[in-house]
Amino acid sequence: MKAQYRFLYIITSMVVYVLIGLIEFFCLNDLLDIISTRYFFHVLMALGCLFIINPLLSYAIVDKLPIKPNLKLKGGIKEDLKTVKE
């Protein structure tokens, strides 16, 4: 992967992760107040979202964006490996 595609992927991943975090910050607190108003419960849910849910969501969203380079393989990988061995 070219350096340009790597840089674009990293920046896009960070932007998506921060946007998910901002949405969570403004909306999750009010939704959790319906279940419980305890501080410990809010901290546990925020940490769970920060370390488990947000990375999975950001990976799924970034994976659907069209920022991947086009592959240059015309046939299958086996055909390309045959030309390397010869």
PDB file of N, CA and C in Angstrom:
ATOM      1  N   MET A   1       0.851  -1.171   0.000  1.00  0.00           N
ATOM      2  CA  MET A   1       0.000   0.000   0.000  1.00  0.00           C
ATOM      3  C   MET A   1       0.898   1.235   0.000  1.00  0.00           C
ATOM      4  N   LYS A   2       0.547   2.193  -0.836  1.00  0.00           N
ATOM      5  CA  LYS A   2       1.319   3.424  -0.912  1.00  0.00           C
ATOM      6  C   LYS A   2       1.193   4.212   0.384  1.00  0.00           C
ATOM      7  N   ALA A   3       2.171   5.088   0.587  1.00  0.00           N
ATOM      8  CA  ALA A   3       2.155   5.914   1.789  1.00  0.00           C
ATOM      9  C   ALA A   3       0.943   6.843   1.801  1.00  0.00           C
ATOM     10  N   GLN A   4       0.525   7.299   0.628  1.00  0.00           N
ATOM     11  CA  GLN A   4      -0.637   8.185   0.556  1.00  0.00           C
ATOM     12  C   GLN A   4      -1.904   7.478   1.026  1.00  0.00           C
ATOM     13  N   TYR A   5      -2.085   6.208   0.615  1.00  0.00           N
ATOM     14  CA  TYR A   5      -3.262   5.449   1.029  1.00  0.00           C
ATOM     15  C   TYR A   5      -3.208   5.141   2.526  1.00  0.00           C
ATOM     16  N   ARG A   6      -2.023   4.835   3.030  1.00  0.00           N
ATOM     17  CA  ARG A   6      -1.893   4.573   4.476  1.00  0.00           C
ATOM     18  C   ARG A   6      -2.252   5.814   5.285  1.00  0.00           C
ATOM     19  N   PHE A   7      -1.720   6.965   4.858  1.00  0.00           N
ATOM     20  CA  PHE A   7      -2.000   8.215   5.559  1.00  0.00           C
ATOM     21  C   PHE A   7      -3.490   8.532   5.517  1.00  0.00           C
ATOM     22  N   LEU A   8      -4.105   8.379   4.367  1.00  0.00           N
ATOM     23  CA  LEU A   8      -5.539   8.627   4.227  1.00  0.00           C
ATOM     24  C   LEU A   8      -6.363   7.684   5.089  1.00  0.00           C
ATOM     25  N   TYR A   9      -5.952   6.412   5.149  1.00  0.00           N
ATOM     26  CA  TYR A   9      -6.656   5.431   5.971  1.00  0.00           C
ATOM     27  C   TYR A   9      -6.549   5.781   7.454  1.00  0.00           C
ATOM     28  N   ILE A  10      -5.371   6.177   7.896  1.00  0.00           N
ATOM     29  CA  ILE A  10      -5.172   6.521   9.310  1.00  0.00           C
ATOM     30  C   ILE A  10      -5.976   7.765   9.679  1.00  0.00           C
ATOM     31  N   ILE A  11      -5.926   8.790   8.846  1.00  0.00           N
ATOM     32  CA  ILE A  11      -6.677  10.016   9.132  1.00  0.00           C
ATOM     33  C   ILE A  11      -8.176   9.747   9.133  1.00  0.00           C
ATOM     34  N   THR A  12      -8.646   8.974   8.157  1.00  0.00           N
ATOM     35  CA  THR A  12     -10.074   8.652   8.096  1.00  0.00           C
ATOM     36  C   THR A  12     -10.497   7.842   9.317  1.00  0.00           C
ATOM     37  N   SER A  13      -9.674   6.898   9.733  1.00  0.00           N
ATOM     38  CA  SER A  13      -9.997   6.094  10.912  1.00  0.00           C
ATOM     39  C   SER A  13     -10.085   6.960  12.165  1.00  0.00           C
ATOM     40  N   MET A  14      -9.148   7.887  12.299  1.00  0.00           N
ATOM     41  CA  MET A  14      -9.156   8.756  13.475  1.00  0.00           C
ATOM     42  C   MET A  14     -10.380   9.670  13.483  1.00  0.00           C
ATOM     43  N   VAL A  15     -10.732  10.213  12.322  1.00  0.00           N
ATOM     44  CA  VAL A  15     -11.892  11.110  12.240  1.00  0.00           C
ATOM     45  C   VAL A  15     -13.176  10.352  12.570  1.00  0.00           C
ATOM     46  N   VAL A  16     -13.312   9.150  12.026  1.00  0.00           N
ATOM     47  CA  VAL A  16     -14.512   8.349  12.302  1.00  0.00           C
ATOM     48  C   VAL A  16     -14.579   7.991  13.787  1.00  0.00           C
ATOM     49  N   TYR A  17     -13.449   7.620  14.387  1.00  0.00           N
ATOM     50  CA  TYR A  17     -13.419   7.255  15.811  1.00  0.00           C
ATOM     51  C   TYR A  17     -13.799   8.449  16.691  1.00  0.00           C
ATOM     52  N   VAL A  18     -13.289   9.622  16.350  1.00  0.00           N
ATOM     53  CA  VAL A  18     -13.606  10.821  17.134  1.00  0.00           C
ATOM     54  C   VAL A  18     -15.077  11.198  16.967  1.00  0.00           C
ATOM     55  N   LEU A  19     -15.611  11.089  15.753  1.00  0.00           N
ATOM     56  CA  LEU A  19     -17.034  11.399  15.546  1.00  0.00           C
ATOM     57  C   LEU A  19     -17.937  10.450  16.317  1.00  0.00           C
ATOM     58  N   ILE A  20     -17.585   9.173  16.329  1.00  0.00           N
ATOM     59  CA  ILE A  20     -18.365   8.212  17.118  1.00  0.00           C
ATOM     60  C   ILE A  20     -18.273   8.558  18.599  1.00  0.00           C
ATOM     61  N   GLY A  21     -17.092   8.950  19.049  1.00  0.00           N
ATOM     62  CA  GLY A  21     -16.916   9.353  20.447  1.00  0.00           C
ATOM     63  C   GLY A  21     -17.729  10.584  20.808  1.00  0.00           C
ATOM     64  N   LEU A  22     -17.799  11.552  19.899  1.00  0.00           N
ATOM     65  CA  LEU A  22     -18.598  12.753  20.166  1.00  0.00           C
ATOM     66  C   LEU A  22     -20.084  12.439  20.212  1.00  0.00           C
ATOM     67  N   ILE A  23     -20.540  11.620  19.297  1.00  0.00           N
ATOM     68  CA  ILE A  23     -21.948  11.212  19.323  1.00  0.00           C
ATOM     69  C   ILE A  23     -22.262  10.478  20.618  1.00  0.00           C
ATOM     70  N   GLU A  24     -21.350   9.608  21.009  1.00  0.00           N
ATOM     71  CA  GLU A  24     -21.532   8.871  22.258  1.00  0.00           C
ATOM     72  C   GLU A  24     -21.538   9.811  23.457  1.00  0.00           C
ATOM     73  N   PHE A  25     -20.643  10.789  23.454  1.00  0.00           N
ATOM     74  CA  PHE A  25     -20.528  11.723  24.572  1.00  0.00           C
ATOM     75  C   PHE A  25     -21.812  12.517  24.777  1.00  0.00           C
ATOM     76  N   PHE A  26     -22.423  12.956  23.681  1.00  0.00           N
ATOM     77  CA  PHE A  26     -23.612  13.788  23.804  1.00  0.00           C
ATOM     78  C   PHE A  26     -24.906  12.990  23.968  1.00  0.00           C
ATOM     79  N   CYS A  27     -24.954  11.764  23.452  1.00  0.00           N
ATOM     80  CA  CYS A  27     -26.214  11.007  23.472  1.00  0.00           C
ATOM     81  C   CYS A  27     -26.264   9.904  24.529  1.00  0.00           C
ATOM     82  N   LEU A  28     -25.136   9.286  24.789  1.00  0.00           N
ATOM     83  CA  LEU A  28     -25.134   8.115  25.663  1.00  0.00           C
ATOM     84  C   LEU A  28     -25.495   8.464  27.107  1.00  0.00           C
ATOM     85  N   ASN A  29     -25.074   9.614  27.577  1.00  0.00           N
ATOM     86  CA  ASN A  29     -25.332   9.990  28.959  1.00  0.00           C
ATOM     87  C   ASN A  29     -26.824  10.055  29.244  1.00  0.00           C
ATOM     88  N   ASP A  30     -27.568  10.655  28.349  1.00  0.00           N
ATOM     89  CA  ASP A  30     -29.022  10.764  28.558  1.00  0.00           C
ATOM     90  C   ASP A  30     -29.705   9.402  28.455  1.00  0.00           C
ATOM     91  N   LEU A  31     -29.235   8.557  27.536  1.00  0.00           N
ATOM     92  CA  LEU A  31     -29.820   7.220  27.415  1.00  0.00           C
ATOM     93  C   LEU A  31     -29.520   6.354  28.635  1.00  0.00           C
ATOM     94  N   LEU A  32     -28.327   6.506  29.194  1.00  0.00           N
ATOM     95  CA  LEU A  32     -27.975   5.714  30.374  1.00  0.00           C
ATOM     96  C   LEU A  32     -28.694   6.187  31.629  1.00  0.00           C
ATOM     97  N   ASP A  33     -29.089   7.445  31.657  1.00  0.00           N
ATOM     98  CA  ASP A  33     -29.857   7.940  32.803  1.00  0.00           C
ATOM     99  C   ASP A  33     -31.202   7.242  32.928  1.00  0.00           C
ATOM    100  N   ILE A  34     -31.724   6.719  31.838  1.00  0.00           N
ATOM    101  CA  ILE A  34     -32.981   5.969  31.882  1.00  0.00           C
ATOM    102  C   ILE A  34     -32.782   4.676  32.666  1.00  0.00           C
ATOM    103  N   ILE A  35     -31.616   4.042  32.486  1.00  0.00           N
ATOM    104  CA  ILE A  35     -31.332   2.768  33.154  1.00  0.00           C
ATOM    105  C   ILE A  35     -30.858   2.991  34.582  1.00  0.00           C
ATOM    106  N   SER A  36     -29.862   3.850  34.750  1.00  0.00           N
ATOM    107  CA  SER A  36     -29.301   4.086  36.076  1.00  0.00           C
ATOM    108  C   SER A  36     -28.652   5.462  36.096  1.00  0.00           C
ATOM    109  N   THR A  37     -28.668   6.090  37.264  1.00  0.00           N
ATOM    110  CA  THR A  37     -28.026   7.398  37.406  1.00  0.00           C
ATOM    111  C   THR A  37     -26.721   7.309  38.181  1.00  0.00           C
ATOM    112  N   ARG A  38     -26.279   6.104  38.456  1.00  0.00           N
ATOM    113  CA  ARG A  38     -25.037   5.930  39.223  1.00  0.00           C
ATOM    114  C   ARG A  38     -23.824   6.263  38.365  1.00  0.00           C
ATOM    115  N   TYR A  39     -22.862   6.927  38.984  1.00  0.00           N
ATOM    116  CA  TYR A  39     -21.641   7.342  38.291  1.00  0.00           C
ATOM    117  C   TYR A  39     -20.828   6.137  37.832  1.00  0.00           C
ATOM    118  N   PHE A  40     -20.722   5.120  38.670  1.00  0.00           N
ATOM    119  CA  PHE A  40     -19.925   3.927  38.349  1.00  0.00           C
ATOM    120  C   PHE A  40     -20.475   3.221  37.111  1.00  0.00           C
ATOM    121  N   PHE A  41     -21.780   3.140  36.990  1.00  0.00           N
ATOM    122  CA  PHE A  41     -22.404   2.523  35.825  1.00  0.00           C
ATOM    123  C   PHE A  41     -22.086   3.317  34.553  1.00  0.00           C
ATOM    124  N   HIS A  42     -22.138   4.635  34.647  1.00  0.00           N
ATOM    125  CA  HIS A  42     -21.824   5.482  33.499  1.00  0.00           C
ATOM    126  C   HIS A  42     -20.368   5.316  33.072  1.00  0.00           C
ATOM    127  N   VAL A  43     -19.464   5.233  34.032  1.00  0.00           N
ATOM    128  CA  VAL A  43     -18.038   5.063  33.715  1.00  0.00           C
ATOM    129  C   VAL A  43     -17.797   3.707  33.070  1.00  0.00           C
ATOM    130  N   LEU A  44     -18.407   2.657  33.595  1.00  0.00           N
ATOM    131  CA  LEU A  44     -18.238   1.325  32.995  1.00  0.00           C
ATOM    132  C   LEU A  44     -18.764   1.281  31.562  1.00  0.00           C
ATOM    133  N   MET A  45     -19.903   1.877  31.310  1.00  0.00           N
ATOM    134  CA  MET A  45     -20.457   1.877  29.969  1.00  0.00           C
ATOM    135  C   MET A  45     -19.604   2.733  29.019  1.00  0.00           C
ATOM    136  N   ALA A  46     -19.094   3.856  29.499  1.00  0.00           N
ATOM    137  CA  ALA A  46     -18.248   4.704  28.660  1.00  0.00           C
ATOM    138  C   ALA A  46     -16.946   3.983  28.303  1.00  0.00           C
ATOM    139  N   LEU A  47     -16.352   3.286  29.269  1.00  0.00           N
ATOM    140  CA  LEU A  47     -15.126   2.528  28.993  1.00  0.00           C
ATOM    141  C   LEU A  47     -15.391   1.356  28.055  1.00  0.00           C
ATOM    142  N   GLY A  48     -16.521   0.694  28.232  1.00  0.00           N
ATOM    143  CA  GLY A  48     -16.884  -0.396  27.335  1.00  0.00           C
ATOM    144  C   GLY A  48     -17.063   0.083  25.906  1.00  0.00           C
ATOM    145  N   CYS A  49     -17.717   1.216  25.757  1.00  0.00           N
ATOM    146  CA  CYS A  49     -17.887   1.778  24.411  1.00  0.00           C
ATOM    147  C   CYS A  49     -16.555   2.239  23.835  1.00  0.00           C
ATOM    148  N   LEU A  50     -15.723   2.845  24.675  1.00  0.00           N
ATOM    149  CA  LEU A  50     -14.445   3.374  24.209  1.00  0.00           C
ATOM    150  C   LEU A  50     -13.507   2.281  23.730  1.00  0.00           C
ATOM    151  N   PHE A  51     -13.460   1.157  24.439  1.00  0.00           N
ATOM    152  CA  PHE A  51     -12.485   0.113  24.117  1.00  0.00           C
ATOM    153  C   PHE A  51     -13.040  -1.053  23.313  1.00  0.00           C
ATOM    154  N   ILE A  52     -14.355  -1.244  23.299  1.00  0.00           N
ATOM    155  CA  ILE A  52     -14.912  -2.412  22.602  1.00  0.00           C
ATOM    156  C   ILE A  52     -15.777  -2.003  21.415  1.00  0.00           C
ATOM    157  N   ILE A  53     -16.771  -1.190  21.643  1.00  0.00           N
ATOM    158  CA  ILE A  53     -17.757  -0.896  20.612  1.00  0.00           C
ATOM    159  C   ILE A  53     -17.233   0.097  19.573  1.00  0.00           C
ATOM    160  N   ASN A  54     -16.607   1.184  20.013  1.00  0.00           N
ATOM    161  CA  ASN A  54     -16.147   2.202  19.067  1.00  0.00           C
ATOM    162  C   ASN A  54     -15.102   1.692  18.079  1.00  0.00           C
ATOM    163  N   PRO A  55     -14.099   0.917  18.489  1.00  0.00           N
ATOM    164  CA  PRO A  55     -13.161   0.399  17.477  1.00  0.00           C
ATOM    165  C   PRO A  55     -13.832  -0.505  16.447  1.00  0.00           C
ATOM    166  N   LEU A  56     -14.773  -1.336  16.885  1.00  0.00           N
ATOM    167  CA  LEU A  56     -15.466  -2.207  15.941  1.00  0.00           C
ATOM    168  C   LEU A  56     -16.328  -1.404  14.977  1.00  0.00           C
ATOM    169  N   LEU A  57     -17.019  -0.399  15.487  1.00  0.00           N
ATOM    170  CA  LEU A  57     -17.840   0.455  14.632  1.00  0.00           C
ATOM    171  C   LEU A  57     -16.984   1.245  13.645  1.00  0.00           C
ATOM    172  N   SER A  58     -15.885   1.806  14.130  1.00  0.00           N
ATOM    173  CA  SER A  58     -15.042   2.595  13.229  1.00  0.00           C
ATOM    174  C   SER A  58     -14.404   1.708  12.170  1.00  0.00           C
ATOM    175  N   TYR A  59     -14.008   0.489  12.520  1.00  0.00           N
ATOM    176  CA  TYR A  59     -13.452  -0.435  11.527  1.00  0.00           C
ATOM    177  C   TYR A  59     -14.500  -0.782  10.468  1.00  0.00           C
ATOM    178  N   ALA A  60     -15.722  -1.037  10.896  1.00  0.00           N
ATOM    179  CA  ALA A  60     -16.781  -1.380   9.948  1.00  0.00           C
ATOM    180  C   ALA A  60     -17.113  -0.204   9.027  1.00  0.00           C
ATOM    181  N   ILE A  61     -17.113   1.007   9.565  1.00  0.00           N
ATOM    182  CA  ILE A  61     -17.430   2.180   8.754  1.00  0.00           C
ATOM    183  C   ILE A  61     -16.305   2.490   7.771  1.00  0.00           C
ATOM    184  N   VAL A  62     -15.061   2.467   8.242  1.00  0.00           N
ATOM    185  CA  VAL A  62     -13.925   2.783   7.371  1.00  0.00           C
ATOM    186  C   VAL A  62     -13.756   1.707   6.307  1.00  0.00           C
ATOM    187  N   ASP A  63     -14.091   0.472   6.630  1.00  0.00           N
ATOM    188  CA  ASP A  63     -13.969  -0.613   5.656  1.00  0.00           C
ATOM    189  C   ASP A  63     -14.931  -0.426   4.486  1.00  0.00           C
ATOM    190  N   LYS A  64     -16.045   0.261   4.712  1.00  0.00           N
ATOM    191  CA  LYS A  64     -17.030   0.482   3.648  1.00  0.00           C
ATOM    192  C   LYS A  64     -16.709   1.703   2.791  1.00  0.00           C
ATOM    193  N   LEU A  65     -15.794   2.553   3.234  1.00  0.00           N
ATOM    194  CA  LEU A  65     -15.440   3.738   2.458  1.00  0.00           C
ATOM    195  C   LEU A  65     -14.539   3.358   1.282  1.00  0.00           C
ATOM    196  N   PRO A  66     -14.688   4.020   0.148  1.00  0.00           N
ATOM    197  CA  PRO A  66     -13.893   3.671  -1.044  1.00  0.00           C
ATOM    198  C   PRO A  66     -12.519   4.332  -1.062  1.00  0.00           C
ATOM    199  N   ILE A  67     -11.654   4.033  -0.104  1.00  0.00           N
ATOM    200  CA  ILE A  67     -10.317   4.634  -0.078  1.00  0.00           C
ATOM    201  C   ILE A  67      -9.224   3.605  -0.310  1.00  0.00           C
ATOM    202  N   LYS A  68      -9.596   2.401  -0.737  1.00  0.00           N
ATOM    203  CA  LYS A  68      -8.606   1.354  -0.959  1.00  0.00           C
ATOM    204  C   LYS A  68      -8.045   1.466  -2.376  1.00  0.00           C
ATOM    205  N   PRO A  69      -6.758   1.170  -2.556  1.00  0.00           N
ATOM    206  CA  PRO A  69      -6.205   1.202  -3.912  1.00  0.00           C
ATOM    207  C   PRO A  69      -6.719   0.028  -4.735  1.00  0.00           C
ATOM    208  N   ASN A  70      -6.739   0.208  -6.046  1.00  0.00           N
ATOM    209  CA  ASN A  70      -7.159  -0.869  -6.938  1.00  0.00           C
ATOM    210  C   ASN A  70      -6.061  -1.925  -7.020  1.00  0.00           C
ATOM    211  N   LEU A  71      -6.458  -3.172  -7.051  1.00  0.00           N
ATOM    212  CA  LEU A  71      -5.492  -4.257  -7.194  1.00  0.00           C
ATOM    213  C   LEU A  71      -5.034  -4.348  -8.641  1.00  0.00           C
ATOM    214  N   LYS A  72      -3.780  -4.709  -8.841  1.00  0.00           N
ATOM    215  CA  LYS A  72      -3.238  -4.782 -10.188  1.00  0.00           C
ATOM    216  C   LYS A  72      -3.174  -6.206 -10.712  1.00  0.00           C
ATOM    217  N   LEU A  73      -3.747  -7.155 -10.015  1.00  0.00           N
ATOM    218  CA  LEU A  73      -3.726  -8.544 -10.443  1.00  0.00           C
ATOM    219  C   LEU A  73      -4.769  -8.758 -11.532  1.00  0.00           C
ATOM    220  N   LYS A  74      -4.333  -9.306 -12.641  1.00  0.00           N
ATOM    221  CA  LYS A  74      -5.276  -9.588 -13.731  1.00  0.00           C
ATOM    222  C   LYS A  74      -5.943 -10.944 -13.520  1.00  0.00           C
ATOM    223  N   GLY A  75      -5.164 -11.943 -13.136  1.00  0.00           N
ATOM    224  CA  GLY A  75      -5.703 -13.279 -12.910  1.00  0.00           C
ATOM    225  C   GLY A  75      -5.742 -13.562 -11.419  1.00  0.00           C
ATOM    226  N   GLY A  76      -5.548 -14.816 -11.104  1.00  0.00           N
ATOM    227  CA  GLY A  76      -5.502 -15.190  -9.705  1.00  0.00           C
ATOM    228  C   GLY A  76      -4.097 -15.058  -9.150  1.00  0.00           C
ATOM    229  N   ILE A  77      -3.958 -15.232  -7.867  1.00  0.00           N
ATOM    230  CA  ILE A  77      -2.660 -15.140  -7.211  1.00  0.00           C
ATOM    231  C   ILE A  77      -1.747 -16.292  -7.624  1.00  0.00           C
ATOM    232  N   LYS A  78      -2.335 -17.441  -7.950  1.00  0.00           N
ATOM    233  CA  LYS A  78      -1.527 -18.596  -8.366  1.00  0.00           C
ATOM    234  C   LYS A  78      -0.824 -18.312  -9.692  1.00  0.00           C
ATOM    235  N   GLU A  79      -1.485 -17.623 -10.604  1.00  0.00           N
ATOM    236  CA  GLU A  79      -0.855 -17.275 -11.875  1.00  0.00           C
ATOM    237  C   GLU A  79       0.319 -16.322 -11.662  1.00  0.00           C
ATOM    238  N   ASP A  80       0.164 -15.375 -10.755  1.00  0.00           N
ATOM    239  CA  ASP A  80       1.256 -14.435 -10.482  1.00  0.00           C
ATOM    240  C   ASP A  80       2.419 -15.133  -9.797  1.00  0.00           C
ATOM    241  N   LEU A  81       2.123 -16.111  -8.924  1.00  0.00           N
ATOM    242  CA  LEU A  81       3.207 -16.837  -8.275  1.00  0.00           C
ATOM    243  C   LEU A  81       3.967 -17.702  -9.267  1.00  0.00           C
ATOM    244  N   LYS A  82       3.280 -18.221 -10.265  1.00  0.00           N
ATOM    245  CA  LYS A  82       3.954 -19.028 -11.291  1.00  0.00           C
ATOM    246  C   LYS A  82       4.943 -18.181 -12.073  1.00  0.00           C
ATOM    247  N   THR A  83       4.597 -16.936 -12.370  1.00  0.00           N
ATOM    248  CA  THR A  83       5.508 -16.086 -13.126  1.00  0.00           C
ATOM    249  C   THR A  83       6.708 -15.662 -12.275  1.00  0.00           C
ATOM    250  N   VAL A  84       6.556 -15.580 -10.972  1.00  0.00           N
ATOM    251  CA  VAL A  84       7.671 -15.242 -10.094  1.00  0.00           C
ATOM    252  C   VAL A  84       8.645 -16.395 -10.004  1.00  0.00           C
ATOM    253  N   LYS A  85       8.168 -17.634  -9.932  1.00  0.00           N
ATOM    254  CA  LYS A  85       9.029 -18.805  -9.797  1.00  0.00           C
ATOM    255  C   LYS A  85       9.820 -19.055 -11.072  1.00  0.00           C
ATOM    256  N   GLU A  86       9.276 -18.703 -12.236  1.00  0.00           N
ATOM    257  CA  GLU A  86       9.949 -18.950 -13.507  1.00  0.00           C
ATOM    258  C   GLU A  86      10.974 -17.927 -13.749  1.00  0.00           C
TER     259      GLU A  86
END
